[in-house]
Every structure is written in C-alpha cells, then in structure tokens.
Amino acid sequence: MRDHLDLVGTKSGWAVGFCGTCTVHVDGQAVRSCGFPVSAVGGQKITTIEGFAREGKLNPVQQAWCDLDVAECGCCQAGQIMSATALLSEIPKPTDADIDATMSGDLCVAPFTPVR
C-alpha cells in the first residue's frame, strides 16, 4: 500500500502483527495488514486512514485526535485511529474495559526503527 499506492498513513512497525501501526479496515473490521494476505481480500472493501476523510472533512475520531492534541510523533496514530473507529462502529458507547481490550494492542513503536 505504501510503496505501490502511495498510501503512506498505514505504517509498518515490526511487521509481525504486534504493534498495530499497520491497521486497516477490511469490510469495517480492524485488521493488521502486515499479516493479512492479499489473497484473503477477495471482494472485500479495504479502508486505510486516508479513506476516512470525506470531502475534506475528517471523521469524528480523526477530528477528536486533532482537537485533543493526542499525536506526538505520529507513527502509531493511524493504527490507533483505525482501531478506535472500528470499536466505535461496533460499540457506540464502549466501556473502559472495551476500550482497554481494543486499544491495548496498539503500541508505540517510536523507540524502534520500523521495518520497511
């Protein structure tokens, strides 16, 4: 996606499905793209972080991220936004436990050199 489609929002951290920086949506479900074979896509719809903005307007999670000044270096942010958006589409009013369970797999990879 990054090299051939110029969709650079989806990152590659450890490239083993561990950190979540590569998270995309496949038919609305958050999926780690680094471990998801292209052959499994079939006719499913893939959405990257770039696909969330519509007509120049950020989606609500992206806008909240900006309004609350969440981002620091940004490497893990796209994956976190993808996971949070999938959670909210499934559970519009998640509990703290729902949030913890969903977001605990999205890790900061800033201290490490991402695999390209």
PDB file of N, CA and C in Angstrom:
ATOM      1  N   MET A   1       0.817  -1.193   0.000  1.00  0.00           N
ATOM      2  CA  MET A   1       0.000   0.000   0.000  1.00  0.00           C
ATOM      3  C   MET A   1       0.863   1.260   0.000  1.00  0.00           C
ATOM      4  N   ARG A   2       1.901   1.229   0.806  1.00  0.00           N
ATOM      5  CA  ARG A   2       2.767   2.407   0.910  1.00  0.00           C
ATOM      6  C   ARG A   2       3.559   2.627  -0.375  1.00  0.00           C
ATOM      7  N   ASP A   3       4.168   1.571  -0.865  1.00  0.00           N
ATOM      8  CA  ASP A   3       5.084   1.705  -1.998  1.00  0.00           C
ATOM      9  C   ASP A   3       4.396   1.768  -3.350  1.00  0.00           C
ATOM     10  N   HIS A   4       3.303   1.043  -3.516  1.00  0.00           N
ATOM     11  CA  HIS A   4       2.670   0.948  -4.835  1.00  0.00           C
ATOM     12  C   HIS A   4       1.453   1.852  -4.998  1.00  0.00           C
ATOM     13  N   LEU A   5       0.775   2.175  -3.901  1.00  0.00           N
ATOM     14  CA  LEU A   5      -0.424   3.007  -3.982  1.00  0.00           C
ATOM     15  C   LEU A   5      -0.223   4.391  -3.368  1.00  0.00           C
ATOM     16  N   ASP A   6       0.956   4.627  -2.798  1.00  0.00           N
ATOM     17  CA  ASP A   6       1.286   5.896  -2.138  1.00  0.00           C
ATOM     18  C   ASP A   6       0.313   6.225  -1.008  1.00  0.00           C
ATOM     19  N   LEU A   7      -0.155   5.202  -0.299  1.00  0.00           N
ATOM     20  CA  LEU A   7      -0.996   5.382   0.877  1.00  0.00           C
ATOM     21  C   LEU A   7      -0.094   5.219   2.094  1.00  0.00           C
ATOM     22  N   VAL A   8       0.530   6.307   2.501  1.00  0.00           N
ATOM     23  CA  VAL A   8       1.601   6.252   3.497  1.00  0.00           C
ATOM     24  C   VAL A   8       1.124   6.386   4.939  1.00  0.00           C
ATOM     25  N   GLY A   9      -0.178   6.534   5.146  1.00  0.00           N
ATOM     26  CA  GLY A   9      -0.694   6.630   6.507  1.00  0.00           C
ATOM     27  C   GLY A   9      -0.572   5.326   7.269  1.00  0.00           C
ATOM     28  N   THR A  10      -0.698   4.216   6.579  1.00  0.00           N
ATOM     29  CA  THR A  10      -0.549   2.904   7.189  1.00  0.00           C
ATOM     30  C   THR A  10       0.942   2.627   7.327  1.00  0.00           C
ATOM     31  N   LYS A  11       1.379   2.407   8.539  1.00  0.00           N
ATOM     32  CA  LYS A  11       2.807   2.228   8.813  1.00  0.00           C
ATOM     33  C   LYS A  11       3.167   0.753   8.913  1.00  0.00           C
ATOM     34  N   SER A  12       4.448   0.488   8.915  1.00  0.00           N
ATOM     35  CA  SER A  12       4.963  -0.848   9.171  1.00  0.00           C
ATOM     36  C   SER A  12       5.902  -0.750  10.357  1.00  0.00           C
ATOM     37  N   GLY A  13       5.498  -1.329  11.466  1.00  0.00           N
ATOM     38  CA  GLY A  13       6.327  -1.299  12.673  1.00  0.00           C
ATOM     39  C   GLY A  13       7.251  -2.493  12.692  1.00  0.00           C
ATOM     40  N   TRP A  14       6.837  -3.537  13.385  1.00  0.00           N
ATOM     41  CA  TRP A  14       7.659  -4.735  13.487  1.00  0.00           C
ATOM     42  C   TRP A  14       7.322  -5.755  12.410  1.00  0.00           C
ATOM     43  N   ALA A  15       6.254  -5.515  11.649  1.00  0.00           N
ATOM     44  CA  ALA A  15       5.835  -6.376  10.532  1.00  0.00           C
ATOM     45  C   ALA A  15       5.517  -7.810  10.955  1.00  0.00           C
ATOM     46  N   VAL A  16       5.050  -7.976  12.192  1.00  0.00           N
ATOM     47  CA  VAL A  16       4.654  -9.301  12.670  1.00  0.00           C
ATOM     48  C   VAL A  16       3.296  -9.248  13.371  1.00  0.00           C
ATOM     49  N   GLY A  17       2.500  -8.204  13.127  1.00  0.00           N
ATOM     50  CA  GLY A  17       1.178  -8.086  13.721  1.00  0.00           C
ATOM     51  C   GLY A  17       1.176  -7.739  15.190  1.00  0.00           C
ATOM     52  N   PHE A  18       2.277  -7.239  15.694  1.00  0.00           N
ATOM     53  CA  PHE A  18       2.423  -6.998  17.127  1.00  0.00           C
ATOM     54  C   PHE A  18       1.989  -5.606  17.560  1.00  0.00           C
ATOM     55  N   CYS A  19       2.301  -4.584  16.774  1.00  0.00           N
ATOM     56  CA  CYS A  19       2.144  -3.216  17.273  1.00  0.00           C
ATOM     57  C   CYS A  19       0.887  -2.489  16.822  1.00  0.00           C
ATOM     58  N   GLY A  20       0.291  -2.868  15.701  1.00  0.00           N
ATOM     59  CA  GLY A  20      -0.929  -2.239  15.228  1.00  0.00           C
ATOM     60  C   GLY A  20      -0.736  -1.049  14.313  1.00  0.00           C
ATOM     61  N   THR A  21       0.495  -0.663  14.025  1.00  0.00           N
ATOM     62  CA  THR A  21       0.715   0.509  13.171  1.00  0.00           C
ATOM     63  C   THR A  21       0.242   0.270  11.739  1.00  0.00           C
ATOM     64  N   CYS A  22       0.044  -0.973  11.367  1.00  0.00           N
ATOM     65  CA  CYS A  22      -0.385  -1.322  10.002  1.00  0.00           C
ATOM     66  C   CYS A  22      -1.892  -1.539   9.898  1.00  0.00           C
ATOM     67  N   THR A  23      -2.649  -1.195  10.929  1.00  0.00           N
ATOM     68  CA  THR A  23      -4.077  -1.490  10.963  1.00  0.00           C
ATOM     69  C   THR A  23      -4.845  -0.776   9.851  1.00  0.00           C
ATOM     70  N   VAL A  24      -5.666  -1.536   9.162  1.00  0.00           N
ATOM     71  CA  VAL A  24      -6.593  -1.037   8.146  1.00  0.00           C
ATOM     72  C   VAL A  24      -7.952  -1.667   8.457  1.00  0.00           C
ATOM     73  N   HIS A  25      -8.981  -1.232   7.757  1.00  0.00           N
ATOM     74  CA  HIS A  25     -10.287  -1.871   7.898  1.00  0.00           C
ATOM     75  C   HIS A  25     -10.538  -2.746   6.681  1.00  0.00           C
ATOM     76  N   VAL A  26     -10.988  -3.954   6.924  1.00  0.00           N
ATOM     77  CA  VAL A  26     -11.433  -4.851   5.869  1.00  0.00           C
ATOM     78  C   VAL A  26     -12.916  -5.081   6.150  1.00  0.00           C
ATOM     79  N   ASP A  27     -13.744  -4.537   5.268  1.00  0.00           N
ATOM     80  CA  ASP A  27     -15.196  -4.538   5.475  1.00  0.00           C
ATOM     81  C   ASP A  27     -15.569  -4.037   6.864  1.00  0.00           C
ATOM     82  N   GLY A  28     -14.912  -2.960   7.297  1.00  0.00           N
ATOM     83  CA  GLY A  28     -15.244  -2.309   8.562  1.00  0.00           C
ATOM     84  C   GLY A  28     -14.576  -2.882   9.788  1.00  0.00           C
ATOM     85  N   GLN A  29     -13.890  -4.011   9.650  1.00  0.00           N
ATOM     86  CA  GLN A  29     -13.217  -4.637  10.783  1.00  0.00           C
ATOM     87  C   GLN A  29     -11.745  -4.259  10.797  1.00  0.00           C
ATOM     88  N   ALA A  30     -11.223  -3.914  11.973  1.00  0.00           N
ATOM     89  CA  ALA A  30      -9.802  -3.580  12.095  1.00  0.00           C
ATOM     90  C   ALA A  30      -8.967  -4.839  11.896  1.00  0.00           C
ATOM     91  N   VAL A  31      -8.001  -4.760  10.983  1.00  0.00           N
ATOM     92  CA  VAL A  31      -7.152  -5.906  10.636  1.00  0.00           C
ATOM     93  C   VAL A  31      -5.711  -5.434  10.540  1.00  0.00           C
ATOM     94  N   ARG A  32      -4.796  -6.230  11.052  1.00  0.00           N
ATOM     95  CA  ARG A  32      -3.370  -5.941  10.908  1.00  0.00           C
ATOM     96  C   ARG A  32      -2.957  -6.321   9.494  1.00  0.00           C
ATOM     97  N   SER A  33      -2.670  -5.346   8.669  1.00  0.00           N
ATOM     98  CA  SER A  33      -2.396  -5.621   7.258  1.00  0.00           C
ATOM     99  C   SER A  33      -1.095  -6.376   7.038  1.00  0.00           C
ATOM    100  N   CYS A  34      -0.137  -6.260   7.958  1.00  0.00           N
ATOM    101  CA  CYS A  34       1.148  -6.934   7.736  1.00  0.00           C
ATOM    102  C   CYS A  34       1.018  -8.450   7.759  1.00  0.00           C
ATOM    103  N   GLY A  35      -0.028  -8.976   8.375  1.00  0.00           N
ATOM    104  CA  GLY A  35      -0.212 -10.418   8.434  1.00  0.00           C
ATOM    105  C   GLY A  35      -1.438 -10.891   7.680  1.00  0.00           C
ATOM    106  N   PHE A  36      -2.040  -9.995   6.908  1.00  0.00           N
ATOM    107  CA  PHE A  36      -3.263 -10.320   6.184  1.00  0.00           C
ATOM    108  C   PHE A  36      -2.914 -10.507   4.718  1.00  0.00           C
ATOM    109  N   PRO A  37      -2.959 -11.739   4.223  1.00  0.00           N
ATOM    110  CA  PRO A  37      -2.543 -11.973   2.834  1.00  0.00           C
ATOM    111  C   PRO A  37      -3.498 -11.321   1.830  1.00  0.00           C
ATOM    112  N   VAL A  38      -2.941 -10.788   0.777  1.00  0.00           N
ATOM    113  CA  VAL A  38      -3.735 -10.162  -0.279  1.00  0.00           C
ATOM    114  C   VAL A  38      -4.748 -11.155  -0.825  1.00  0.00           C
ATOM    115  N   SER A  39      -4.380 -12.415  -0.884  1.00  0.00           N
ATOM    116  CA  SER A  39      -5.283 -13.434  -1.414  1.00  0.00           C
ATOM    117  C   SER A  39      -6.550 -13.591  -0.572  1.00  0.00           C
ATOM    118  N   ALA A  40      -6.537 -13.148   0.676  1.00  0.00           N
ATOM    119  CA  ALA A  40      -7.700 -13.252   1.559  1.00  0.00           C
ATOM    120  C   ALA A  40      -8.667 -12.084   1.394  1.00  0.00           C
ATOM    121  N   VAL A  41      -8.276 -11.074   0.625  1.00  0.00           N
ATOM    122  CA  VAL A  41      -9.119  -9.883   0.474  1.00  0.00           C
ATOM    123  C   VAL A  41     -10.361 -10.179  -0.353  1.00  0.00           C
ATOM    124  N   GLY A  42     -10.193 -10.874  -1.458  1.00  0.00           N
ATOM    125  CA  GLY A  42     -11.332 -11.167  -2.322  1.00  0.00           C
ATOM    126  C   GLY A  42     -12.038  -9.888  -2.736  1.00  0.00           C
ATOM    127  N   GLY A  43     -13.339  -9.837  -2.601  1.00  0.00           N
ATOM    128  CA  GLY A  43     -14.117  -8.655  -2.973  1.00  0.00           C
ATOM    129  C   GLY A  43     -14.389  -7.730  -1.804  1.00  0.00           C
ATOM    130  N   GLN A  44     -13.663  -7.896  -0.714  1.00  0.00           N
ATOM    131  CA  GLN A  44     -13.899  -7.085   0.470  1.00  0.00           C
ATOM    132  C   GLN A  44     -13.361  -5.661   0.283  1.00  0.00           C
ATOM    133  N   LYS A  45     -13.971  -4.732   0.988  1.00  0.00           N
ATOM    134  CA  LYS A  45     -13.562  -3.336   0.913  1.00  0.00           C
ATOM    135  C   LYS A  45     -12.452  -3.067   1.934  1.00  0.00           C
ATOM    136  N   ILE A  46     -11.340  -2.504   1.453  1.00  0.00           N
ATOM    137  CA  ILE A  46     -10.233  -2.125   2.331  1.00  0.00           C
ATOM    138  C   ILE A  46     -10.238  -0.610   2.478  1.00  0.00           C
ATOM    139  N   THR A  47     -10.166  -0.141   3.726  1.00  0.00           N
ATOM    140  CA  THR A  47     -10.102   1.287   4.001  1.00  0.00           C
ATOM    141  C   THR A  47      -8.851   1.568   4.809  1.00  0.00           C
ATOM    142  N   THR A  48      -8.038   2.484   4.324  1.00  0.00           N
ATOM    143  CA  THR A  48      -6.867   2.937   5.073  1.00  0.00           C
ATOM    144  C   THR A  48      -7.225   4.240   5.765  1.00  0.00           C
ATOM    145  N   ILE A  49      -6.329   4.761   6.561  1.00  0.00           N
ATOM    146  CA  ILE A  49      -6.559   6.022   7.264  1.00  0.00           C
ATOM    147  C   ILE A  49      -6.893   7.139   6.279  1.00  0.00           C
ATOM    148  N   GLU A  50      -6.328   7.082   5.082  1.00  0.00           N
ATOM    149  CA  GLU A  50      -6.603   8.107   4.074  1.00  0.00           C
ATOM    150  C   GLU A  50      -8.065   8.079   3.620  1.00  0.00           C
ATOM    151  N   GLY A  51      -8.715   6.935   3.754  1.00  0.00           N
ATOM    152  CA  GLY A  51     -10.091   6.791   3.295  1.00  0.00           C
ATOM    153  C   GLY A  51     -11.140   7.297   4.260  1.00  0.00           C
ATOM    154  N   PHE A  52     -10.734   7.778   5.420  1.00  0.00           N
ATOM    155  CA  PHE A  52     -11.699   8.241   6.416  1.00  0.00           C
ATOM    156  C   PHE A  52     -12.216   9.647   6.142  1.00  0.00           C
ATOM    157  N   ALA A  53     -11.372  10.517   5.663  1.00  0.00           N
ATOM    158  CA  ALA A  53     -11.804  11.893   5.408  1.00  0.00           C
ATOM    159  C   ALA A  53     -12.741  11.898   4.205  1.00  0.00           C
ATOM    160  N   ARG A  54     -13.803  12.663   4.311  1.00  0.00           N
ATOM    161  CA  ARG A  54     -14.770  12.781   3.219  1.00  0.00           C
ATOM    162  C   ARG A  54     -14.953  14.263   2.881  1.00  0.00           C
ATOM    163  N   GLU A  55     -14.753  14.566   1.608  1.00  0.00           N
ATOM    164  CA  GLU A  55     -14.913  15.938   1.122  1.00  0.00           C
ATOM    165  C   GLU A  55     -14.122  16.935   1.975  1.00  0.00           C
ATOM    166  N   GLY A  56     -12.900  16.537   2.315  1.00  0.00           N
ATOM    167  CA  GLY A  56     -12.017  17.403   3.074  1.00  0.00           C
ATOM    168  C   GLY A  56     -12.319  17.493   4.558  1.00  0.00           C
ATOM    169  N   LYS A  57     -13.253  16.694   5.039  1.00  0.00           N
ATOM    170  CA  LYS A  57     -13.630  16.727   6.459  1.00  0.00           C
ATOM    171  C   LYS A  57     -13.198  15.422   7.128  1.00  0.00           C
ATOM    172  N   LEU A  58     -12.482  15.550   8.241  1.00  0.00           N
ATOM    173  CA  LEU A  58     -12.028  14.376   8.983  1.00  0.00           C
ATOM    174  C   LEU A  58     -13.212  13.628   9.583  1.00  0.00           C
ATOM    175  N   ASN A  59     -13.028  12.318   9.812  1.00  0.00           N
ATOM    176  CA  ASN A  59     -14.089  11.589  10.507  1.00  0.00           C
ATOM    177  C   ASN A  59     -14.043  11.992  11.984  1.00  0.00           C
ATOM    178  N   PRO A  60     -15.091  11.689  12.761  1.00  0.00           N
ATOM    179  CA  PRO A  60     -15.141  12.161  14.156  1.00  0.00           C
ATOM    180  C   PRO A  60     -13.950  11.751  15.018  1.00  0.00           C
ATOM    181  N   VAL A  61     -13.433  10.542  14.830  1.00  0.00           N
ATOM    182  CA  VAL A  61     -12.283  10.111  15.641  1.00  0.00           C
ATOM    183  C   VAL A  61     -11.038  10.899  15.236  1.00  0.00           C
ATOM    184  N   GLN A  62     -10.813  11.062  13.937  1.00  0.00           N
ATOM    185  CA  GLN A  62      -9.673  11.869  13.487  1.00  0.00           C
ATOM    186  C   GLN A  62      -9.780  13.299  14.025  1.00  0.00           C
ATOM    187  N   GLN A  63     -10.979  13.875  13.973  1.00  0.00           N
ATOM    188  CA  GLN A  63     -11.165  15.246  14.441  1.00  0.00           C
ATOM    189  C   GLN A  63     -10.903  15.353  15.935  1.00  0.00           C
ATOM    190  N   ALA A  64     -11.394  14.374  16.698  1.00  0.00           N
ATOM    191  CA  ALA A  64     -11.146  14.367  18.146  1.00  0.00           C
ATOM    192  C   ALA A  64      -9.657  14.264  18.437  1.00  0.00           C
ATOM    193  N   TRP A  65      -8.941  13.447  17.657  1.00  0.00           N
ATOM    194  CA  TRP A  65      -7.491  13.292  17.828  1.00  0.00           C
ATOM    195  C   TRP A  65      -6.806  14.654  17.682  1.00  0.00           C
ATOM    196  N   CYS A  66      -7.248  15.407  16.680  1.00  0.00           N
ATOM    197  CA  CYS A  66      -6.672  16.742  16.441  1.00  0.00           C
ATOM    198  C   CYS A  66      -7.085  17.724  17.537  1.00  0.00           C
ATOM    199  N   ASP A  67      -8.383  17.730  17.864  1.00  0.00           N
ATOM    200  CA  ASP A  67      -8.895  18.672  18.864  1.00  0.00           C
ATOM    201  C   ASP A  67      -8.244  18.475  20.217  1.00  0.00           C
ATOM    202  N   LEU A  68      -7.965  17.224  20.575  1.00  0.00           N
ATOM    203  CA  LEU A  68      -7.379  16.914  21.880  1.00  0.00           C
ATOM    204  C   LEU A  68      -5.860  16.842  21.844  1.00  0.00           C
ATOM    205  N   ASP A  69      -5.278  17.121  20.669  1.00  0.00           N
ATOM    206  CA  ASP A  69      -3.822  17.152  20.510  1.00  0.00           C
ATOM    207  C   ASP A  69      -3.178  15.858  21.008  1.00  0.00           C
ATOM    208  N   VAL A  70      -3.723  14.720  20.563  1.00  0.00           N
ATOM    209  CA  VAL A  70      -3.261  13.407  21.008  1.00  0.00           C
ATOM    210  C   VAL A  70      -1.893  13.054  20.446  1.00  0.00           C
ATOM    211  N   ALA A  71      -1.683  13.339  19.179  1.00  0.00           N
ATOM    212  CA  ALA A  71      -0.481  12.862  18.487  1.00  0.00           C
ATOM    213  C   ALA A  71       0.801  13.442  19.057  1.00  0.00           C
ATOM    214  N   GLU A  72       1.801  12.595  19.101  1.00  0.00           N
ATOM    215  CA  GLU A  72       3.146  13.040  19.425  1.00  0.00           C
ATOM    216  C   GLU A  72       3.982  12.851  18.169  1.00  0.00           C
ATOM    217  N   CYS A  73       4.676  11.741  18.019  1.00  0.00           N
ATOM    218  CA  CYS A  73       5.487  11.567  16.807  1.00  0.00           C
ATOM    219  C   CYS A  73       4.639  11.134  15.622  1.00  0.00           C
ATOM    220  N   GLY A  74       3.553  10.411  15.863  1.00  0.00           N
ATOM    221  CA  GLY A  74       2.623  10.049  14.805  1.00  0.00           C
ATOM    222  C   GLY A  74       2.753   8.654  14.244  1.00  0.00           C
ATOM    223  N   CYS A  75       3.785   7.919  14.543  1.00  0.00           N
ATOM    224  CA  CYS A  75       3.985   6.606  13.928  1.00  0.00           C
ATOM    225  C   CYS A  75       2.834   5.644  14.232  1.00  0.00           C
ATOM    226  N   CYS A  76       2.355   5.637  15.448  1.00  0.00           N
ATOM    227  CA  CYS A  76       1.306   4.694  15.836  1.00  0.00           C
ATOM    228  C   CYS A  76      -0.093   5.263  15.687  1.00  0.00           C
ATOM    229  N   GLN A  77      -0.227   6.542  15.382  1.00  0.00           N
ATOM    230  CA  GLN A  77      -1.528   7.205  15.413  1.00  0.00           C
ATOM    231  C   GLN A  77      -2.544   6.640  14.434  1.00  0.00           C
ATOM    232  N   ALA A  78      -2.154   6.355  13.209  1.00  0.00           N
ATOM    233  CA  ALA A  78      -3.109   5.835  12.223  1.00  0.00           C
ATOM    234  C   ALA A  78      -3.705   4.512  12.698  1.00  0.00           C
ATOM    235  N   GLY A  79      -2.870   3.624  13.201  1.00  0.00           N
ATOM    236  CA  GLY A  79      -3.359   2.340  13.711  1.00  0.00           C
ATOM    237  C   GLY A  79      -4.306   2.526  14.882  1.00  0.00           C
ATOM    238  N   GLN A  80      -3.992   3.461  15.764  1.00  0.00           N
ATOM    239  CA  GLN A  80      -4.872   3.715  16.904  1.00  0.00           C
ATOM    240  C   GLN A  80      -6.213   4.279  16.448  1.00  0.00           C
ATOM    241  N   ILE A  81      -6.189   5.188  15.500  1.00  0.00           N
ATOM    242  CA  ILE A  81      -7.430   5.754  14.977  1.00  0.00           C
ATOM    243  C   ILE A  81      -8.255   4.672  14.282  1.00  0.00           C
ATOM    244  N   MET A  82      -7.603   3.811  13.519  1.00  0.00           N
ATOM    245  CA  MET A  82      -8.321   2.726  12.831  1.00  0.00           C
ATOM    246  C   MET A  82      -8.980   1.793  13.850  1.00  0.00           C
ATOM    247  N   SER A  83      -8.254   1.437  14.914  1.00  0.00           N
ATOM    248  CA  SER A  83      -8.815   0.546  15.940  1.00  0.00           C
ATOM    249  C   SER A  83      -9.958   1.222  16.688  1.00  0.00           C
ATOM    250  N   ALA A  84      -9.776   2.478  17.064  1.00  0.00           N
ATOM    251  CA  ALA A  84     -10.817   3.215  17.793  1.00  0.00           C
ATOM    252  C   ALA A  84     -12.077   3.368  16.953  1.00  0.00           C
ATOM    253  N   THR A  85     -11.922   3.659  15.676  1.00  0.00           N
ATOM    254  CA  THR A  85     -13.079   3.820  14.795  1.00  0.00           C
ATOM    255  C   THR A  85     -13.835   2.509  14.636  1.00  0.00           C
ATOM    256  N   ALA A  86     -13.118   1.407  14.483  1.00  0.00           N
ATOM    257  CA  ALA A  86     -13.772   0.093  14.380  1.00  0.00           C
ATOM    258  C   ALA A  86     -14.526  -0.228  15.665  1.00  0.00           C
ATOM    259  N   LEU A  87     -13.928   0.058  16.806  1.00  0.00           N
ATOM    260  CA  LEU A  87     -14.600  -0.181  18.087  1.00  0.00           C
ATOM    261  C   LEU A  87     -15.890   0.621  18.168  1.00  0.00           C
ATOM    262  N   LEU A  88     -15.819   1.914  17.849  1.00  0.00           N
ATOM    263  CA  LEU A  88     -16.998   2.766  17.967  1.00  0.00           C
ATOM    264  C   LEU A  88     -18.090   2.407  16.968  1.00  0.00           C
ATOM    265  N   SER A  89     -17.724   1.840  15.830  1.00  0.00           N
ATOM    266  CA  SER A  89     -18.759   1.413  14.884  1.00  0.00           C
ATOM    267  C   SER A  89     -19.449   0.149  15.379  1.00  0.00           C
ATOM    268  N   GLU A  90     -18.732  -0.642  16.171  1.00  0.00           N
ATOM    269  CA  GLU A  90     -19.287  -1.877  16.712  1.00  0.00           C
ATOM    270  C   GLU A  90     -20.006  -1.635  18.044  1.00  0.00           C
ATOM    271  N   ILE A  91     -19.402  -0.788  18.888  1.00  0.00           N
ATOM    272  CA  ILE A  91     -19.949  -0.484  20.214  1.00  0.00           C
ATOM    273  C   ILE A  91     -19.931   1.040  20.373  1.00  0.00           C
ATOM    274  N   PRO A  92     -21.031   1.720  20.036  1.00  0.00           N
ATOM    275  CA  PRO A  92     -21.046   3.185  20.059  1.00  0.00           C
ATOM    276  C   PRO A  92     -20.746   3.818  21.430  1.00  0.00           C
ATOM    277  N   LYS A  93     -21.045   3.113  22.499  1.00  0.00           N
ATOM    278  CA  LYS A  93     -20.753   3.629  23.843  1.00  0.00           C
ATOM    279  C   LYS A  93     -19.953   2.572  24.612  1.00  0.00           C
ATOM    280  N   PRO A  94     -18.677   2.427  24.252  1.00  0.00           N
ATOM    281  CA  PRO A  94     -17.871   1.367  24.884  1.00  0.00           C
ATOM    282  C   PRO A  94     -17.568   1.675  26.353  1.00  0.00           C
ATOM    283  N   THR A  95     -17.405   0.609  27.109  1.00  0.00           N
ATOM    284  CA  THR A  95     -16.977   0.749  28.496  1.00  0.00           C
ATOM    285  C   THR A  95     -15.457   0.939  28.516  1.00  0.00           C
ATOM    286  N   ASP A  96     -14.927   1.296  29.662  1.00  0.00           N
ATOM    287  CA  ASP A  96     -13.474   1.399  29.796  1.00  0.00           C
ATOM    288  C   ASP A  96     -12.816   0.061  29.472  1.00  0.00           C
ATOM    289  N   ALA A  97     -13.458  -1.033  29.880  1.00  0.00           N
ATOM    290  CA  ALA A  97     -12.909  -2.373  29.603  1.00  0.00           C
ATOM    291  C   ALA A  97     -12.892  -2.645  28.095  1.00  0.00           C
ATOM    292  N   ASP A  98     -13.950  -2.232  27.376  1.00  0.00           N
ATOM    293  CA  ASP A  98     -13.980  -2.399  25.916  1.00  0.00           C
ATOM    294  C   ASP A  98     -12.832  -1.624  25.271  1.00  0.00           C
ATOM    295  N   ILE A  99     -12.643  -0.395  25.727  1.00  0.00           N
ATOM    296  CA  ILE A  99     -11.584   0.460  25.177  1.00  0.00           C
ATOM    297  C   ILE A  99     -10.219  -0.143  25.464  1.00  0.00           C
ATOM    298  N   ASP A 100     -10.008  -0.555  26.717  1.00  0.00           N
ATOM    299  CA  ASP A 100      -8.723  -1.165  27.082  1.00  0.00           C
ATOM    300  C   ASP A 100      -8.445  -2.414  26.244  1.00  0.00           C
ATOM    301  N   ALA A 101      -9.457  -3.268  26.076  1.00  0.00           N
ATOM    302  CA  ALA A 101      -9.271  -4.514  25.326  1.00  0.00           C
ATOM    303  C   ALA A 101      -8.938  -4.232  23.866  1.00  0.00           C
ATOM    304  N   THR A 102      -9.582  -3.231  23.286  1.00  0.00           N
ATOM    305  CA  THR A 102      -9.349  -2.913  21.878  1.00  0.00           C
ATOM    306  C   THR A 102      -8.027  -2.196  21.665  1.00  0.00           C
ATOM    307  N   MET A 103      -7.747  -1.225  22.490  1.00  0.00           N
ATOM    308  CA  MET A 103      -6.597  -0.358  22.257  1.00  0.00           C
ATOM    309  C   MET A 103      -5.290  -0.902  22.824  1.00  0.00           C
ATOM    310  N   SER A 104      -5.336  -1.936  23.646  1.00  0.00           N
ATOM    311  CA  SER A 104      -4.105  -2.448  24.254  1.00  0.00           C
ATOM    312  C   SER A 104      -3.160  -3.064  23.225  1.00  0.00           C
ATOM    313  N   GLY A 105      -3.663  -3.403  22.059  1.00  0.00           N
ATOM    314  CA  GLY A 105      -2.813  -3.982  21.027  1.00  0.00           C
ATOM    315  C   GLY A 105      -2.138  -2.956  20.131  1.00  0.00           C
ATOM    316  N   ASP A 106      -2.438  -1.684  20.332  1.00  0.00           N
ATOM    317  CA  ASP A 106      -1.825  -0.621  19.530  1.00  0.00           C
ATOM    318  C   ASP A 106      -0.687  -0.004  20.336  1.00  0.00           C
ATOM    319  N   LEU A 107       0.514  -0.268  19.896  1.00  0.00           N
ATOM    320  CA  LEU A 107       1.688   0.118  20.660  1.00  0.00           C
ATOM    321  C   LEU A 107       2.505   1.198  19.972  1.00  0.00           C
ATOM    322  N   CYS A 108       3.161   2.004  20.775  1.00  0.00           N
ATOM    323  CA  CYS A 108       4.087   2.992  20.264  1.00  0.00           C
ATOM    324  C   CYS A 108       5.362   2.274  19.802  1.00  0.00           C
ATOM    325  N   VAL A 109       5.778   2.546  18.597  1.00  0.00           N
ATOM    326  CA  VAL A 109       6.993   1.920  18.084  1.00  0.00           C
ATOM    327  C   VAL A 109       8.102   2.952  17.908  1.00  0.00           C
ATOM    328  N   ALA A 110       7.896   4.154  18.430  1.00  0.00           N
ATOM    329  CA  ALA A 110       8.844   5.253  18.230  1.00  0.00           C
ATOM    330  C   ALA A 110      10.282   4.914  18.637  1.00  0.00           C
ATOM    331  N   PRO A 111      10.497   4.188  19.733  1.00  0.00           N
ATOM    332  CA  PRO A 111      11.890   3.904  20.098  1.00  0.00           C
ATOM    333  C   PRO A 111      12.586   2.919  19.170  1.00  0.00           C
ATOM    334  N   PHE A 112      11.830   2.316  18.268  1.00  0.00           N
ATOM    335  CA  PHE A 112      12.371   1.291  17.394  1.00  0.00           C
ATOM    336  C   PHE A 112      12.392   1.766  15.960  1.00  0.00           C
ATOM    337  N   THR A 113      13.262   1.211  15.187  1.00  0.00           N
ATOM    338  CA  THR A 113      13.318   1.542  13.767  1.00  0.00           C
ATOM    339  C   THR A 113      12.312   0.672  13.033  1.00  0.00           C
ATOM    340  N   PRO A 114      11.285   1.288  12.414  1.00  0.00           N
ATOM    341  CA  PRO A 114      10.296   0.473  11.707  1.00  0.00           C
ATOM    342  C   PRO A 114      10.906  -0.291  10.551  1.00  0.00           C
ATOM    343  N   VAL A 115      10.328  -1.439  10.295  1.00  0.00           N
ATOM    344  CA  VAL A 115      10.716  -2.268   9.157  1.00  0.00           C
ATOM    345  C   VAL A 115      10.027  -1.675   7.927  1.00  0.00           C
ATOM    346  N   ARG A 116      10.720  -1.594   6.841  1.00  0.00           N
ATOM    347  CA  ARG A 116      10.092  -1.055   5.633  1.00  0.00           C
ATOM    348  C   ARG A 116       9.981  -2.136   4.605  1.00  0.00           C
TER     349      ARG A 116
END
